Amino acid sequence: MTTKREQNQLKLVQDWNTMHSLGEDVVVTKDDSTEVPTKTQSSAYMLGASGDYPGHTAVIMLDGISGCYSLERVRPA
């Protein structure tokens, strides 16, 4: 059974992937609050997904940034 937070994160992924395309210009807010222009390198997905577990955090891969970034910190440019 998924928690309310997991359901909200899944909806973020679904909505993002419906409305945005790969390679789209975006702005990411980094941990130090600076905003950096970049491009998407993947579709959004759930971090930690395995088997029946849907995962815990909506994330996306971005150009020039190592690893994935929380989708909550990414917006269209």
C-alpha atoms as a PDB file:
ATOM      1  CA  MET A   1       0.000   0.000   0.000  1.00  0.00           C
ATOM      2  CA  THR A   2       1.368   3.396  -0.934  1.00  0.00           C
ATOM      3  CA  THR A   3       1.434   6.366   1.412  1.00  0.00           C
ATOM      4  CA  LYS A   4      -0.145   9.721   0.589  1.00  0.00           C
ATOM      5  CA  ARG A   5       3.350  11.173   0.023  1.00  0.00           C
ATOM      6  CA  GLU A   6       4.266   8.369  -2.405  1.00  0.00           C
ATOM      7  CA  GLN A   7       0.980   8.913  -4.261  1.00  0.00           C
ATOM      8  CA  ASN A   8       1.744  12.646  -4.528  1.00  0.00           C
ATOM      9  CA  GLN A   9       5.250  11.905  -5.829  1.00  0.00           C
ATOM     10  CA  LEU A  10       3.862   9.437  -8.385  1.00  0.00           C
ATOM     11  CA  LYS A  11       1.430  12.116  -9.586  1.00  0.00           C
ATOM     12  CA  LEU A  12       4.336  14.565  -9.986  1.00  0.00           C
ATOM     13  CA  VAL A  13       6.103  12.037 -12.234  1.00  0.00           C
ATOM     14  CA  GLN A  14       3.003  11.325 -14.307  1.00  0.00           C
ATOM     15  CA  ASP A  15       2.120  14.996 -14.714  1.00  0.00           C
ATOM     16  CA  TRP A  16       5.688  16.001 -15.608  1.00  0.00           C
ATOM     17  CA  ASN A  17       6.054  13.255 -18.208  1.00  0.00           C
ATOM     18  CA  THR A  18       2.691  14.164 -19.748  1.00  0.00           C
ATOM     19  CA  MET A  19       3.465  17.874 -20.060  1.00  0.00           C
ATOM     20  CA  HIS A  20       7.233  17.954 -20.744  1.00  0.00           C
ATOM     21  CA  SER A  21       9.617  16.404 -23.238  1.00  0.00           C
ATOM     22  CA  LEU A  22      13.139  15.048 -23.111  1.00  0.00           C
ATOM     23  CA  GLY A  23      15.750  17.739 -23.725  1.00  0.00           C
ATOM     24  CA  GLU A  24      13.479  20.534 -22.510  1.00  0.00           C
ATOM     25  CA  ASP A  25      15.046  23.712 -21.100  1.00  0.00           C
ATOM     26  CA  VAL A  26      14.532  23.861 -17.337  1.00  0.00           C
ATOM     27  CA  VAL A  27      15.822  25.670 -14.276  1.00  0.00           C
ATOM     28  CA  VAL A  28      16.932  23.712 -11.207  1.00  0.00           C
ATOM     29  CA  THR A  29      17.181  25.203  -7.722  1.00  0.00           C
ATOM     30  CA  LYS A  30      20.339  23.761  -6.169  1.00  0.00           C
ATOM     31  CA  ASP A  31      20.894  23.044  -2.469  1.00  0.00           C
ATOM     32  CA  ASP A  32      22.475  26.487  -1.941  1.00  0.00           C
ATOM     33  CA  SER A  33      19.348  28.136  -3.480  1.00  0.00           C
ATOM     34  CA  THR A  34      21.103  29.164  -6.702  1.00  0.00           C
ATOM     35  CA  GLU A  35      19.055  28.643  -9.854  1.00  0.00           C
ATOM     36  CA  VAL A  36      20.847  26.963 -12.740  1.00  0.00           C
ATOM     37  CA  PRO A  37      19.570  26.684 -16.322  1.00  0.00           C
ATOM     38  CA  THR A  38      19.940  23.205 -17.806  1.00  0.00           C
ATOM     39  CA  LYS A  39      18.095  20.607 -19.918  1.00  0.00           C
ATOM     40  CA  THR A  40      16.340  17.379 -19.020  1.00  0.00           C
ATOM     41  CA  GLN A  41      18.298  14.219 -19.822  1.00  0.00           C
ATOM     42  CA  SER A  42      15.596  11.723 -18.843  1.00  0.00           C
ATOM     43  CA  SER A  43      11.923  11.399 -18.187  1.00  0.00           C
ATOM     44  CA  ALA A  44      10.890  11.838 -14.563  1.00  0.00           C
ATOM     45  CA  TYR A  45      10.883   8.644 -12.492  1.00  0.00           C
ATOM     46  CA  MET A  46      10.515   7.404  -8.924  1.00  0.00           C
ATOM     47  CA  LEU A  47      13.733   6.921  -6.975  1.00  0.00           C
ATOM     48  CA  GLY A  48      13.826   3.683  -5.030  1.00  0.00           C
ATOM     49  CA  ALA A  49      11.175   1.860  -7.086  1.00  0.00           C
ATOM     50  CA  SER A  50      11.515  -1.911  -6.809  1.00  0.00           C
ATOM     51  CA  GLY A  51       9.032  -4.725  -7.374  1.00  0.00           C
ATOM     52  CA  ASP A  52       5.691  -3.675  -5.897  1.00  0.00           C
ATOM     53  CA  TYR A  53       7.209  -0.668  -4.120  1.00  0.00           C
ATOM     54  CA  PRO A  54       6.549   2.478  -6.209  1.00  0.00           C
ATOM     55  CA  GLY A  55       9.542   4.405  -4.864  1.00  0.00           C
ATOM     56  CA  HIS A  56       9.762   7.412  -2.574  1.00  0.00           C
ATOM     57  CA  THR A  57      10.906  10.520  -4.480  1.00  0.00           C
ATOM     58  CA  ALA A  58      10.098  11.974  -7.916  1.00  0.00           C
ATOM     59  CA  VAL A  59      13.413  12.709  -9.673  1.00  0.00           C
ATOM     60  CA  ILE A  60      14.887  13.560 -13.068  1.00  0.00           C
ATOM     61  CA  MET A  61      18.332  13.529 -14.686  1.00  0.00           C
ATOM     62  CA  LEU A  62      19.678  16.904 -15.832  1.00  0.00           C
ATOM     63  CA  ASP A  63      22.428  17.972 -18.222  1.00  0.00           C
ATOM     64  CA  GLY A  64      25.673  18.895 -16.434  1.00  0.00           C
ATOM     65  CA  ILE A  65      24.488  17.725 -13.006  1.00  0.00           C
ATOM     66  CA  SER A  66      25.707  14.431 -11.549  1.00  0.00           C
ATOM     67  CA  GLY A  67      22.990  12.060 -10.395  1.00  0.00           C
ATOM     68  CA  CYS A  68      19.297  12.749 -10.299  1.00  0.00           C
ATOM     69  CA  TYR A  69      17.575  15.801  -8.845  1.00  0.00           C
ATOM     70  CA  SER A  70      14.278  16.102  -7.008  1.00  0.00           C
ATOM     71  CA  LEU A  71      11.525  17.022  -9.439  1.00  0.00           C
ATOM     72  CA  GLU A  72      10.185  19.455  -6.853  1.00  0.00           C
ATOM     73  CA  ARG A  73      13.277  21.619  -7.512  1.00  0.00           C
ATOM     74  CA  VAL A  74      12.930  21.680 -11.311  1.00  0.00           C
ATOM     75  CA  ARG A  75      10.725  23.982 -13.360  1.00  0.00           C
ATOM     76  CA  PRO A  76      10.388  24.765 -17.068  1.00  0.00           C
ATOM     77  CA  ALA A  77      12.587  27.640 -18.215  1.00  0.00           C
END
